[in-house]
């Protein structure tokens, strides 16, 4: 129970679960899907009433690189897990070149319960020529298009000039 701690004592503070454990999707846009007979639908009667048969969770749900040195390349990994009951496909809309961001991944279907790794790479470069006091913030939402929705992965970084 979440009401007691490991020792069996009543908790004084409330437990805040991460969004991927709560089933919340912080930034998603539902797609208007046309029925596709070859999309791998499950026809089990107990699952026939469920609408959300394919679903992905991003772990972590956002990427913050922190302060980066100008001219250097940094990378981190985001796990994209299929928590639905069907296999599902996805593709990543690459960010514009002026952001310095690039997403590397292996395309193909992801089976239910399995995960793929997305490597987010950033080349720390300054866009504007104006004086920003030594730091320039880069912020972009990477779009991941799935069969049922568009996931938005927020990426932030501060570039030290």
N, C-alpha and C. Protein backbone atom coordinates (compact mmCIF):
# COMPACT_ATOMS: atom_id res chain seq x y z
N UNK A 1 0.84 -1.19 0.00
CA UNK A 1 0.00 0.00 0.00
C UNK A 1 0.88 1.25 0.00
N UNK A 2 0.39 2.29 -0.60
CA UNK A 2 1.12 3.56 -0.62
C UNK A 2 0.89 4.35 0.67
N UNK A 3 0.00 3.87 1.53
CA UNK A 3 -0.31 4.59 2.76
C UNK A 3 0.72 4.35 3.85
N UNK A 4 1.49 3.26 3.75
CA UNK A 4 2.51 2.95 4.76
C UNK A 4 3.87 2.82 4.09
N UNK A 5 4.92 3.06 4.87
CA UNK A 5 6.27 2.93 4.33
C UNK A 5 6.79 1.51 4.53
N UNK A 6 8.09 1.30 4.28
CA UNK A 6 8.69 -0.03 4.35
C UNK A 6 8.60 -0.63 5.75
N UNK A 7 8.68 0.20 6.78
CA UNK A 7 8.64 -0.29 8.15
C UNK A 7 7.23 -0.53 8.67
N UNK A 8 6.21 -0.19 7.88
CA UNK A 8 4.83 -0.38 8.30
C UNK A 8 4.23 0.85 8.97
N UNK A 9 4.99 1.93 9.08
CA UNK A 9 4.50 3.17 9.69
C UNK A 9 3.69 3.97 8.65
N UNK A 10 2.71 4.72 9.15
CA UNK A 10 1.90 5.56 8.27
C UNK A 10 2.76 6.67 7.68
N UNK A 11 2.62 6.88 6.36
CA UNK A 11 3.40 7.92 5.68
C UNK A 11 2.91 9.31 6.07
N UNK A 12 3.86 10.24 6.21
CA UNK A 12 3.51 11.62 6.52
C UNK A 12 3.34 12.44 5.25
N UNK A 13 4.06 12.09 4.19
CA UNK A 13 3.97 12.83 2.94
C UNK A 13 3.36 11.94 1.85
N UNK A 14 2.81 12.58 0.85
CA UNK A 14 2.16 11.87 -0.24
C UNK A 14 3.21 11.40 -1.25
N UNK A 15 3.02 10.21 -1.81
CA UNK A 15 3.91 9.66 -2.82
C UNK A 15 3.48 10.20 -4.19
N UNK A 16 4.44 10.72 -4.94
CA UNK A 16 4.16 11.18 -6.30
C UNK A 16 4.83 10.21 -7.26
N UNK A 17 4.01 9.48 -8.01
CA UNK A 17 4.52 8.52 -8.97
C UNK A 17 4.88 9.22 -10.27
N UNK A 18 5.89 8.72 -11.00
CA UNK A 18 6.21 9.29 -12.31
C UNK A 18 5.04 9.14 -13.26
N UNK A 19 4.98 10.04 -14.27
CA UNK A 19 3.84 10.04 -15.18
C UNK A 19 3.70 8.74 -15.96
N UNK A 20 4.83 8.07 -16.28
CA UNK A 20 4.72 6.83 -17.04
C UNK A 20 4.15 5.69 -16.21
N UNK A 21 4.20 5.78 -14.86
CA UNK A 21 3.57 4.77 -14.02
C UNK A 21 2.11 5.10 -13.74
N UNK A 22 1.75 6.38 -13.85
CA UNK A 22 0.37 6.78 -13.62
C UNK A 22 -0.49 6.55 -14.85
N UNK A 23 0.14 6.28 -15.99
CA UNK A 23 -0.62 6.09 -17.21
C UNK A 23 -0.93 7.40 -17.90
N UNK A 24 -0.39 8.51 -17.39
CA UNK A 24 -0.60 9.80 -18.03
C UNK A 24 0.38 9.96 -19.17
N UNK A 25 -0.05 10.64 -20.19
CA UNK A 25 0.83 10.98 -21.29
C UNK A 25 0.89 12.50 -21.33
N UNK A 26 2.01 13.07 -20.90
CA UNK A 26 2.07 14.50 -20.74
C UNK A 26 1.84 15.30 -22.02
N UNK A 27 2.45 14.90 -23.12
CA UNK A 27 2.30 15.67 -24.35
C UNK A 27 2.03 14.73 -25.51
N UNK A 28 0.77 14.52 -25.83
CA UNK A 28 0.41 13.67 -26.97
C UNK A 28 -0.70 14.34 -27.76
N UNK A 29 -0.71 14.04 -29.04
CA UNK A 29 -1.76 14.53 -29.94
C UNK A 29 -2.37 13.30 -30.60
N UNK A 30 -3.68 13.02 -30.39
CA UNK A 30 -4.27 11.82 -31.00
C UNK A 30 -4.35 11.97 -32.52
N UNK A 31 -4.13 10.85 -33.24
CA UNK A 31 -4.23 10.82 -34.69
C UNK A 31 -5.63 10.38 -35.08
N UNK A 32 -6.12 10.89 -36.19
CA UNK A 32 -7.37 10.40 -36.75
C UNK A 32 -6.99 9.24 -37.66
N UNK A 33 -7.19 8.02 -37.16
CA UNK A 33 -6.73 6.82 -37.87
C UNK A 33 -7.83 6.26 -38.74
N UNK A 34 -7.47 5.91 -39.95
CA UNK A 34 -8.37 5.21 -40.85
C UNK A 34 -8.17 3.72 -40.61
N UNK A 35 -9.25 2.96 -40.55
CA UNK A 35 -9.16 1.52 -40.27
C UNK A 35 -8.32 0.83 -41.33
N UNK A 36 -7.29 0.15 -40.88
CA UNK A 36 -6.37 -0.55 -41.77
C UNK A 36 -6.45 -2.04 -41.47
N UNK A 37 -6.90 -2.88 -42.43
CA UNK A 37 -7.07 -4.30 -42.14
C UNK A 37 -5.75 -5.04 -41.90
N UNK A 38 -4.64 -4.46 -42.31
CA UNK A 38 -3.35 -5.14 -42.15
C UNK A 38 -2.54 -4.57 -41.00
N UNK A 39 -3.17 -3.91 -40.06
CA UNK A 39 -2.41 -3.26 -38.99
C UNK A 39 -2.17 -4.17 -37.79
N UNK A 40 -2.58 -5.41 -37.84
CA UNK A 40 -2.29 -6.34 -36.75
C UNK A 40 -3.24 -6.22 -35.59
N UNK A 41 -4.53 -6.07 -35.85
CA UNK A 41 -5.53 -5.93 -34.79
C UNK A 41 -5.71 -7.24 -34.03
N UNK A 42 -5.96 -7.12 -32.75
CA UNK A 42 -6.30 -8.26 -31.92
C UNK A 42 -7.81 -8.43 -31.96
N UNK A 43 -8.28 -9.63 -32.24
CA UNK A 43 -9.72 -9.85 -32.34
C UNK A 43 -10.26 -10.65 -31.17
N UNK A 44 -9.55 -10.70 -30.07
CA UNK A 44 -10.02 -11.40 -28.88
C UNK A 44 -11.21 -10.64 -28.31
N UNK A 45 -12.26 -11.35 -27.94
CA UNK A 45 -13.49 -10.68 -27.51
C UNK A 45 -13.29 -9.85 -26.25
N UNK A 46 -12.42 -10.28 -25.35
CA UNK A 46 -12.21 -9.51 -24.12
C UNK A 46 -11.49 -8.20 -24.39
N UNK A 47 -10.79 -8.12 -25.51
CA UNK A 47 -10.08 -6.90 -25.84
C UNK A 47 -10.80 -6.06 -26.89
N UNK A 48 -11.92 -6.56 -27.40
CA UNK A 48 -12.61 -5.89 -28.49
C UNK A 48 -13.18 -4.53 -28.09
N UNK A 49 -13.47 -4.32 -26.82
CA UNK A 49 -14.06 -3.06 -26.39
C UNK A 49 -13.00 -2.00 -26.08
N UNK A 50 -11.74 -2.40 -25.92
CA UNK A 50 -10.69 -1.43 -25.61
C UNK A 50 -10.32 -0.65 -26.85
N UNK A 51 -10.22 0.66 -26.72
CA UNK A 51 -9.86 1.51 -27.84
C UNK A 51 -8.34 1.67 -27.96
N UNK A 52 -7.65 1.74 -26.83
CA UNK A 52 -6.23 2.03 -26.81
C UNK A 52 -5.42 0.73 -26.78
N UNK A 53 -5.30 0.07 -27.95
CA UNK A 53 -4.59 -1.20 -28.00
C UNK A 53 -3.11 -1.01 -28.28
N UNK A 54 -2.73 0.11 -28.82
CA UNK A 54 -1.32 0.42 -29.06
C UNK A 54 -0.99 1.71 -28.34
N UNK A 55 0.09 1.68 -27.59
CA UNK A 55 0.46 2.83 -26.80
C UNK A 55 1.94 2.78 -26.49
N UNK A 56 2.59 3.92 -26.53
CA UNK A 56 4.01 4.01 -26.21
C UNK A 56 4.21 4.92 -25.02
N UNK A 57 5.20 4.62 -24.20
CA UNK A 57 5.63 5.48 -23.12
C UNK A 57 7.09 5.83 -23.34
N UNK A 58 7.44 7.09 -23.06
CA UNK A 58 8.81 7.54 -23.18
C UNK A 58 9.44 7.60 -21.79
N UNK A 59 10.62 7.00 -21.65
CA UNK A 59 11.32 7.01 -20.37
C UNK A 59 12.72 7.55 -20.62
N UNK A 60 13.07 8.72 -20.15
CA UNK A 60 12.29 9.70 -19.41
C UNK A 60 11.35 10.47 -20.34
N UNK A 61 10.30 11.10 -19.80
CA UNK A 61 9.33 11.81 -20.64
C UNK A 61 9.83 13.14 -21.18
N UNK A 62 10.98 13.62 -20.71
CA UNK A 62 11.58 14.86 -21.22
C UNK A 62 13.09 14.77 -21.06
N UNK A 63 13.83 15.52 -21.89
CA UNK A 63 15.29 15.48 -21.85
C UNK A 63 15.80 16.88 -21.55
N UNK A 64 16.64 16.99 -20.52
CA UNK A 64 17.29 18.25 -20.17
C UNK A 64 18.79 18.00 -20.18
N UNK A 65 19.49 18.62 -21.12
CA UNK A 65 20.93 18.42 -21.23
C UNK A 65 21.71 19.25 -20.22
N UNK A 66 21.15 20.35 -19.75
CA UNK A 66 21.87 21.22 -18.81
C UNK A 66 22.73 22.22 -19.57
N UNK A 67 23.86 22.61 -18.99
CA UNK A 67 24.75 23.59 -19.61
C UNK A 67 25.77 22.85 -20.47
N UNK A 68 25.86 23.24 -21.74
CA UNK A 68 26.74 22.59 -22.70
C UNK A 68 27.78 23.57 -23.22
N UNK A 69 28.95 23.06 -23.56
CA UNK A 69 30.02 23.88 -24.12
C UNK A 69 29.80 24.01 -25.63
N UNK A 70 29.90 25.22 -26.13
CA UNK A 70 29.69 25.47 -27.56
C UNK A 70 30.71 24.71 -28.40
N UNK A 71 30.22 24.09 -29.48
CA UNK A 71 31.08 23.35 -30.39
C UNK A 71 31.22 21.87 -30.07
N UNK A 72 30.70 21.43 -28.96
CA UNK A 72 30.80 20.01 -28.57
C UNK A 72 29.50 19.28 -28.90
N UNK A 73 29.60 17.96 -29.03
CA UNK A 73 28.42 17.13 -29.30
C UNK A 73 28.13 16.29 -28.06
N UNK A 74 26.85 16.24 -27.69
CA UNK A 74 26.40 15.49 -26.51
C UNK A 74 25.28 14.55 -26.95
N UNK A 75 25.13 13.45 -26.22
CA UNK A 75 24.08 12.48 -26.56
C UNK A 75 23.50 11.87 -25.30
N UNK A 76 22.24 11.47 -25.39
CA UNK A 76 21.58 10.74 -24.31
C UNK A 76 20.60 9.76 -24.95
N UNK A 77 20.16 8.79 -24.17
CA UNK A 77 19.25 7.76 -24.68
C UNK A 77 17.89 7.87 -24.02
N UNK A 78 16.85 7.76 -24.84
CA UNK A 78 15.47 7.73 -24.36
C UNK A 78 14.89 6.38 -24.76
N UNK A 79 14.22 5.72 -23.83
CA UNK A 79 13.60 4.42 -24.10
C UNK A 79 12.14 4.64 -24.47
N UNK A 80 11.75 4.02 -25.56
CA UNK A 80 10.36 4.10 -26.01
C UNK A 80 9.78 2.70 -25.89
N UNK A 81 8.87 2.52 -24.92
CA UNK A 81 8.33 1.20 -24.60
C UNK A 81 6.90 1.06 -25.11
N UNK A 82 6.62 -0.05 -25.75
CA UNK A 82 5.27 -0.36 -26.23
C UNK A 82 4.51 -1.00 -25.07
N UNK A 83 3.58 -0.26 -24.48
CA UNK A 83 2.80 -0.77 -23.36
C UNK A 83 1.40 -1.22 -23.79
N UNK A 84 1.18 -1.28 -25.10
CA UNK A 84 -0.09 -1.75 -25.62
C UNK A 84 -0.10 -3.27 -25.74
N UNK A 85 -1.14 -3.80 -26.38
CA UNK A 85 -1.25 -5.25 -26.55
C UNK A 85 -0.99 -5.67 -28.00
N UNK A 86 -0.77 -4.73 -28.90
CA UNK A 86 -0.46 -5.01 -30.30
C UNK A 86 0.95 -4.55 -30.61
N UNK A 87 1.50 -5.11 -31.70
CA UNK A 87 2.74 -4.53 -32.19
C UNK A 87 2.39 -3.20 -32.83
N UNK A 88 3.32 -2.28 -32.84
CA UNK A 88 3.04 -0.97 -33.37
C UNK A 88 4.28 -0.41 -34.06
N UNK A 89 4.05 0.44 -35.03
CA UNK A 89 5.12 1.10 -35.75
C UNK A 89 5.17 2.57 -35.36
N UNK A 90 6.34 3.17 -35.58
CA UNK A 90 6.50 4.59 -35.30
C UNK A 90 7.58 5.15 -36.22
N UNK A 91 7.62 6.45 -36.32
CA UNK A 91 8.71 7.13 -36.99
C UNK A 91 8.94 8.46 -36.29
N UNK A 92 10.15 8.96 -36.41
CA UNK A 92 10.52 10.20 -35.74
C UNK A 92 10.68 11.29 -36.80
N UNK A 93 10.02 12.40 -36.58
CA UNK A 93 10.18 13.56 -37.46
C UNK A 93 11.44 14.29 -36.98
N UNK A 94 12.48 14.27 -37.80
CA UNK A 94 13.76 14.86 -37.40
C UNK A 94 13.61 16.37 -37.18
N UNK A 95 14.24 16.88 -36.11
CA UNK A 95 14.18 18.32 -35.84
C UNK A 95 14.91 19.11 -36.93
N UNK A 96 14.59 20.40 -37.08
CA UNK A 96 15.28 21.22 -38.08
C UNK A 96 16.77 21.35 -37.75
N UNK A 97 17.62 21.50 -38.77
CA UNK A 97 19.07 21.54 -38.55
C UNK A 97 19.54 22.68 -37.64
N UNK A 98 18.82 23.81 -37.62
CA UNK A 98 19.28 24.95 -36.81
C UNK A 98 19.21 24.68 -35.31
N UNK A 99 18.48 23.64 -34.88
CA UNK A 99 18.43 23.30 -33.45
C UNK A 99 19.66 22.54 -33.01
N UNK A 100 20.36 21.90 -33.94
CA UNK A 100 21.52 21.08 -33.59
C UNK A 100 21.14 19.70 -33.10
N UNK A 101 19.84 19.37 -33.11
CA UNK A 101 19.36 18.08 -32.62
C UNK A 101 19.27 17.06 -33.74
N UNK A 102 19.51 15.80 -33.38
CA UNK A 102 19.35 14.68 -34.30
C UNK A 102 18.92 13.47 -33.49
N UNK A 103 18.00 12.67 -34.05
CA UNK A 103 17.51 11.47 -33.38
C UNK A 103 17.92 10.26 -34.21
N UNK A 104 18.62 9.32 -33.56
CA UNK A 104 19.05 8.10 -34.23
C UNK A 104 18.30 6.92 -33.61
N UNK A 105 17.70 6.09 -34.48
CA UNK A 105 16.92 4.95 -34.01
C UNK A 105 16.85 3.91 -35.11
N UNK A 106 16.43 2.70 -34.76
CA UNK A 106 16.24 1.63 -35.72
C UNK A 106 14.76 1.54 -36.05
N UNK A 107 14.37 1.81 -37.30
CA UNK A 107 12.95 1.74 -37.64
C UNK A 107 12.45 0.30 -37.69
N UNK A 108 11.14 0.13 -37.60
CA UNK A 108 10.52 -1.19 -37.66
C UNK A 108 9.45 -1.33 -36.61
N UNK A 109 8.69 -2.44 -36.64
CA UNK A 109 7.64 -2.64 -35.65
C UNK A 109 8.21 -2.96 -34.28
N UNK A 110 7.46 -2.57 -33.25
CA UNK A 110 7.83 -2.86 -31.87
C UNK A 110 6.74 -3.74 -31.29
N UNK A 111 7.11 -4.94 -30.85
CA UNK A 111 6.14 -5.88 -30.30
C UNK A 111 5.64 -5.39 -28.94
N UNK A 112 4.48 -5.86 -28.53
CA UNK A 112 3.90 -5.50 -27.24
C UNK A 112 4.85 -5.88 -26.12
N UNK A 113 5.10 -4.95 -25.21
CA UNK A 113 5.96 -5.20 -24.07
C UNK A 113 7.44 -4.96 -24.33
N UNK A 114 7.83 -4.76 -25.58
CA UNK A 114 9.23 -4.52 -25.90
C UNK A 114 9.50 -3.03 -26.02
N UNK A 115 10.77 -2.69 -26.16
CA UNK A 115 11.16 -1.29 -26.21
C UNK A 115 12.26 -1.07 -27.23
N UNK A 116 12.40 0.17 -27.67
CA UNK A 116 13.48 0.56 -28.56
C UNK A 116 14.17 1.77 -27.93
N UNK A 117 15.41 1.97 -28.34
CA UNK A 117 16.17 3.10 -27.82
C UNK A 117 16.25 4.18 -28.88
N UNK A 118 16.01 5.41 -28.46
CA UNK A 118 16.19 6.58 -29.31
C UNK A 118 17.40 7.33 -28.77
N UNK A 119 18.39 7.54 -29.60
CA UNK A 119 19.56 8.30 -29.16
C UNK A 119 19.38 9.74 -29.61
N UNK A 120 19.29 10.64 -28.63
CA UNK A 120 19.12 12.07 -28.90
C UNK A 120 20.51 12.70 -28.85
N UNK A 121 20.91 13.30 -29.96
CA UNK A 121 22.24 13.90 -30.07
C UNK A 121 22.08 15.39 -30.33
N UNK A 122 22.90 16.20 -29.66
CA UNK A 122 22.84 17.65 -29.85
C UNK A 122 24.25 18.18 -30.11
N UNK A 123 24.36 18.99 -31.14
CA UNK A 123 25.58 19.72 -31.42
C UNK A 123 25.37 21.11 -30.84
N UNK A 124 26.10 21.44 -29.80
CA UNK A 124 25.91 22.73 -29.11
C UNK A 124 26.47 23.85 -29.98
N UNK A 125 25.55 24.60 -30.60
CA UNK A 125 25.96 25.73 -31.43
C UNK A 125 25.02 26.89 -31.17
N UNK A 126 25.56 28.09 -31.32
CA UNK A 126 24.76 29.29 -31.12
C UNK A 126 24.08 29.68 -32.41
N UNK A 127 22.82 30.07 -32.31
CA UNK A 127 22.04 30.42 -33.49
C UNK A 127 22.12 31.93 -33.73
N UNK A 128 21.78 32.72 -32.72
CA UNK A 128 21.74 34.17 -32.87
C UNK A 128 23.10 34.79 -32.62
N UNK A 129 23.33 35.96 -33.22
CA UNK A 129 24.60 36.65 -33.03
C UNK A 129 24.56 37.67 -31.92
N UNK A 130 23.43 37.80 -31.23
CA UNK A 130 23.30 38.82 -30.19
C UNK A 130 23.91 38.34 -28.87
N UNK A 131 24.25 39.28 -28.02
CA UNK A 131 24.84 38.95 -26.72
C UNK A 131 23.72 38.53 -25.78
N UNK A 132 23.81 37.30 -25.27
CA UNK A 132 22.77 36.78 -24.37
C UNK A 132 23.30 36.59 -22.96
N UNK A 133 24.42 37.19 -22.66
CA UNK A 133 24.96 37.09 -21.31
C UNK A 133 25.70 35.80 -21.04
N UNK A 134 26.17 35.13 -22.10
CA UNK A 134 26.96 33.92 -21.92
C UNK A 134 26.19 32.63 -22.06
N UNK A 135 24.84 32.64 -21.98
CA UNK A 135 24.02 31.43 -22.11
C UNK A 135 22.93 31.64 -23.15
N UNK A 136 22.73 30.65 -23.98
CA UNK A 136 21.61 30.67 -24.91
C UNK A 136 20.83 29.38 -24.73
N UNK A 137 19.50 29.50 -24.58
CA UNK A 137 18.66 28.32 -24.35
C UNK A 137 18.16 27.75 -25.66
N UNK A 138 18.29 26.43 -25.80
CA UNK A 138 17.75 25.70 -26.94
C UNK A 138 16.61 24.84 -26.41
N UNK A 139 15.45 24.96 -27.04
CA UNK A 139 14.28 24.20 -26.61
C UNK A 139 13.51 23.75 -27.85
N UNK A 140 13.19 22.46 -27.92
CA UNK A 140 12.47 21.94 -29.07
C UNK A 140 11.70 20.69 -28.65
N UNK A 141 10.52 20.50 -29.24
CA UNK A 141 9.72 19.30 -29.02
C UNK A 141 9.93 18.36 -30.21
N UNK A 142 10.52 17.19 -29.96
CA UNK A 142 10.71 16.20 -31.01
C UNK A 142 9.40 15.45 -31.20
N UNK A 143 8.94 15.35 -32.45
CA UNK A 143 7.68 14.68 -32.76
C UNK A 143 7.94 13.22 -33.12
N UNK A 144 7.25 12.32 -32.40
CA UNK A 144 7.33 10.89 -32.66
C UNK A 144 5.94 10.46 -33.10
N UNK A 145 5.81 10.07 -34.36
CA UNK A 145 4.52 9.73 -34.93
C UNK A 145 4.28 8.23 -34.80
N UNK A 146 3.24 7.85 -34.06
CA UNK A 146 2.86 6.44 -33.92
C UNK A 146 1.57 6.22 -34.70
N UNK A 147 1.05 5.01 -34.66
CA UNK A 147 -0.17 4.70 -35.41
C UNK A 147 -1.39 5.40 -34.82
N UNK A 148 -1.39 5.66 -33.52
CA UNK A 148 -2.59 6.22 -32.88
C UNK A 148 -2.43 7.65 -32.39
N UNK A 149 -1.18 8.12 -32.23
CA UNK A 149 -0.97 9.45 -31.67
C UNK A 149 0.40 9.99 -32.04
N UNK A 150 0.59 11.26 -31.77
CA UNK A 150 1.90 11.90 -31.95
C UNK A 150 2.42 12.25 -30.57
N UNK A 151 3.56 11.67 -30.20
CA UNK A 151 4.19 11.95 -28.92
C UNK A 151 5.14 13.14 -29.09
N UNK A 152 5.17 14.01 -28.11
CA UNK A 152 6.08 15.15 -28.11
C UNK A 152 7.11 14.95 -27.00
N UNK A 153 8.38 14.91 -27.39
CA UNK A 153 9.47 14.75 -26.43
C UNK A 153 10.19 16.10 -26.29
N UNK A 154 9.95 16.82 -25.18
CA UNK A 154 10.60 18.12 -24.99
C UNK A 154 12.10 17.95 -24.69
N UNK A 155 12.93 18.71 -25.40
CA UNK A 155 14.38 18.69 -25.21
C UNK A 155 14.82 20.12 -24.92
N UNK A 156 15.60 20.28 -23.84
CA UNK A 156 16.11 21.61 -23.47
C UNK A 156 17.59 21.52 -23.19
N UNK A 157 18.28 22.61 -23.51
CA UNK A 157 19.71 22.71 -23.22
C UNK A 157 20.08 24.18 -23.14
N UNK A 158 21.12 24.49 -22.38
CA UNK A 158 21.70 25.83 -22.31
C UNK A 158 23.10 25.75 -22.86
N UNK A 159 23.40 26.60 -23.84
CA UNK A 159 24.72 26.57 -24.47
C UNK A 159 25.55 27.72 -23.93
N UNK A 160 26.71 27.38 -23.42
CA UNK A 160 27.63 28.35 -22.84
C UNK A 160 28.55 28.87 -23.92
N UNK A 161 28.52 30.19 -24.11
CA UNK A 161 29.39 30.75 -25.17
C UNK A 161 30.58 31.48 -24.55
